[in-house]
Amino acid sequence: MSCSSAFSIIFSVTFVVFLFGGLCKANSVVQVDIINDIGSNIQLGLHCKSKNKDLGSQSLAQHEHWGFRENINFWDTTLFFCHFVWENQSKWFDILVAKDRDICEHQPCVWSIRPSGPCRLTGKEKCFPWN
């Protein structure tokens, strides 16, 4: 076997591995669930969107939840952010980023929205500051 034939075979196998590995990765779907834990009888308004997709405005009563499902794109650039409003507060947070796939691919990514910031309840609970 010549060097160029061996190179062609190695290159082809490598290409196929990257292609199918990328396609499997591109089919990752993440479910996001947002819960209003702002406080007693406080209505939470939210509006979530990405660069290309607007999910519309929602209004949640105390402990009510709303969610969406989204594919993580091949390039791992998927980003959905939400604007939250309640009483005299207005806050932003990146509710779905591509790296969430690691935690939320096989179970919903559940977010508790609190005055101090959103807390991801999936896996080990972790709270984040507002953007």
Protein backbone atom coordinates (compact mmCIF):
# COMPACT_ATOMS: atom_id res chain seq x y z
CA MET A 1 0.00 0.00 0.00
CA SER A 2 1.43 3.37 -0.95
CA CYS A 3 1.71 6.31 1.43
CA SER A 4 -0.94 8.27 -0.46
CA SER A 5 -3.42 5.37 -0.22
CA ALA A 6 -2.82 5.01 3.52
CA PHE A 7 -3.23 8.76 3.95
CA SER A 8 -6.49 8.70 1.97
CA ILE A 9 -7.89 5.90 4.10
CA ILE A 10 -6.90 7.58 7.38
CA PHE A 11 -8.29 10.91 6.17
CA SER A 12 -11.58 9.29 5.07
CA VAL A 13 -12.04 7.44 8.35
CA THR A 14 -11.25 10.60 10.34
CA PHE A 15 -13.72 12.61 8.26
CA VAL A 16 -16.50 10.04 8.78
CA VAL A 17 -15.88 9.95 12.55
CA PHE A 18 -16.06 13.74 12.80
CA LEU A 19 -19.10 13.89 10.53
CA PHE A 20 -21.15 11.32 12.43
CA GLY A 21 -19.92 12.49 15.81
CA GLY A 22 -20.96 16.01 14.91
CA LEU A 23 -24.35 14.89 13.65
CA CYS A 24 -25.04 13.03 16.88
CA LYS A 25 -23.99 16.07 18.84
CA ALA A 26 -26.12 18.33 16.62
CA ASN A 27 -29.24 16.31 17.47
CA SER A 28 -29.04 17.19 21.16
CA VAL A 29 -32.33 18.57 22.41
CA VAL A 30 -32.56 20.42 25.72
CA GLN A 31 -35.82 20.97 27.62
CA VAL A 32 -35.90 24.17 29.70
CA ASP A 33 -38.45 24.63 32.51
CA ILE A 34 -38.74 28.00 34.29
CA ILE A 35 -40.48 28.31 37.69
CA ASN A 36 -41.64 31.56 39.31
CA ASP A 37 -40.10 31.55 42.80
CA ILE A 38 -39.91 35.34 43.10
CA GLY A 39 -42.18 35.54 46.12
CA SER A 40 -45.65 35.36 47.56
CA ASN A 41 -48.33 36.46 45.09
CA ILE A 42 -45.82 38.17 42.78
CA GLN A 43 -46.47 37.81 39.07
CA LEU A 44 -43.36 37.16 36.95
CA GLY A 45 -43.25 38.39 33.38
CA LEU A 46 -40.71 36.83 31.05
CA HIS A 47 -39.73 37.02 27.42
CA CYS A 48 -37.23 34.50 26.04
CA LYS A 49 -35.51 34.55 22.67
CA SER A 50 -32.37 33.78 20.73
CA LYS A 51 -30.73 35.68 17.92
CA ASN A 52 -33.07 33.96 15.44
CA LYS A 53 -36.10 32.79 17.43
CA ASP A 54 -38.54 34.70 19.64
CA LEU A 55 -40.50 32.51 22.08
CA GLY A 56 -42.87 35.33 23.05
CA SER A 57 -43.91 36.87 26.34
CA GLN A 58 -45.21 34.81 29.25
CA SER A 59 -46.68 35.64 32.64
CA LEU A 60 -46.32 33.25 35.56
CA ALA A 61 -48.11 33.26 38.90
CA GLN A 62 -46.25 32.13 42.02
CA HIS A 63 -44.84 28.56 41.56
CA GLU A 64 -46.26 28.36 38.03
CA HIS A 65 -43.89 27.13 35.35
CA TRP A 66 -43.37 27.44 31.61
CA GLY A 67 -40.85 25.81 29.32
CA PHE A 68 -39.52 25.14 25.87
CA ARG A 69 -37.44 22.57 23.96
CA GLU A 70 -34.57 23.54 21.72
CA ASN A 71 -31.86 21.84 19.67
CA ILE A 72 -28.24 22.62 20.46
CA ASN A 73 -26.67 23.52 17.13
CA PHE A 74 -23.63 21.80 15.59
CA TRP A 75 -21.33 24.75 16.33
CA ASP A 76 -22.29 24.90 20.04
CA THR A 77 -23.35 28.53 19.72
CA THR A 78 -26.97 28.03 20.83
CA LEU A 79 -27.98 30.80 23.23
CA PHE A 80 -31.41 31.72 24.58
CA PHE A 81 -31.76 34.63 26.96
CA CYS A 82 -34.76 35.77 28.95
CA HIS A 83 -35.88 39.14 30.21
CA PHE A 84 -37.64 38.87 33.59
CA VAL A 85 -39.82 41.59 35.12
CA TRP A 86 -41.65 41.76 38.44
CA GLU A 87 -42.78 44.67 40.55
CA ASN A 88 -40.12 47.35 39.89
CA GLN A 89 -37.40 44.88 38.80
CA SER A 90 -36.08 44.18 35.28
CA LYS A 91 -33.40 41.48 34.88
CA TRP A 92 -31.73 39.44 32.10
CA PHE A 93 -30.23 35.96 32.11
CA ASP A 94 -28.84 33.49 29.53
CA ILE A 95 -31.25 30.64 30.29
CA LEU A 96 -29.89 28.17 27.71
CA VAL A 97 -26.31 28.02 26.49
CA ALA A 98 -24.75 25.18 24.50
CA LYS A 99 -22.67 23.94 27.46
CA ASP A 100 -25.94 23.15 29.30
CA ARG A 101 -26.13 20.06 27.09
CA ASP A 102 -23.79 18.28 29.52
CA ILE A 103 -26.24 18.69 32.42
CA CYS A 104 -29.60 18.91 30.68
CA GLU A 105 -29.52 16.61 27.66
CA HIS A 106 -31.21 13.66 29.40
CA GLN A 107 -33.38 15.54 31.88
CA PRO A 108 -35.12 18.92 31.86
CA CYS A 109 -33.03 21.94 32.79
CA VAL A 110 -35.20 23.33 35.60
CA TRP A 111 -34.67 26.96 36.63
CA SER A 112 -36.07 28.54 39.79
CA ILE A 113 -36.30 32.29 39.25
CA ARG A 114 -35.59 34.10 42.53
CA PRO A 115 -35.01 37.79 43.35
CA SER A 116 -31.30 37.14 43.96
CA GLY A 117 -30.89 35.36 40.61
CA PRO A 118 -31.84 32.18 38.75
CA CYS A 119 -30.98 28.81 40.28
CA ARG A 120 -30.58 25.68 38.16
CA LEU A 121 -32.19 22.82 40.08
CA THR A 122 -31.07 20.09 37.66
CA GLY A 123 -28.09 18.13 38.96
CA LYS A 124 -26.56 19.82 41.96
CA GLU A 125 -28.45 23.07 42.64
CA LYS A 126 -26.45 26.06 41.46
CA CYS A 127 -27.47 29.72 41.65
CA PHE A 128 -26.20 32.42 39.32
CA PRO A 129 -26.11 36.22 39.41
CA TRP A 130 -28.24 38.21 36.99
CA ASN A 131 -26.48 39.32 33.77
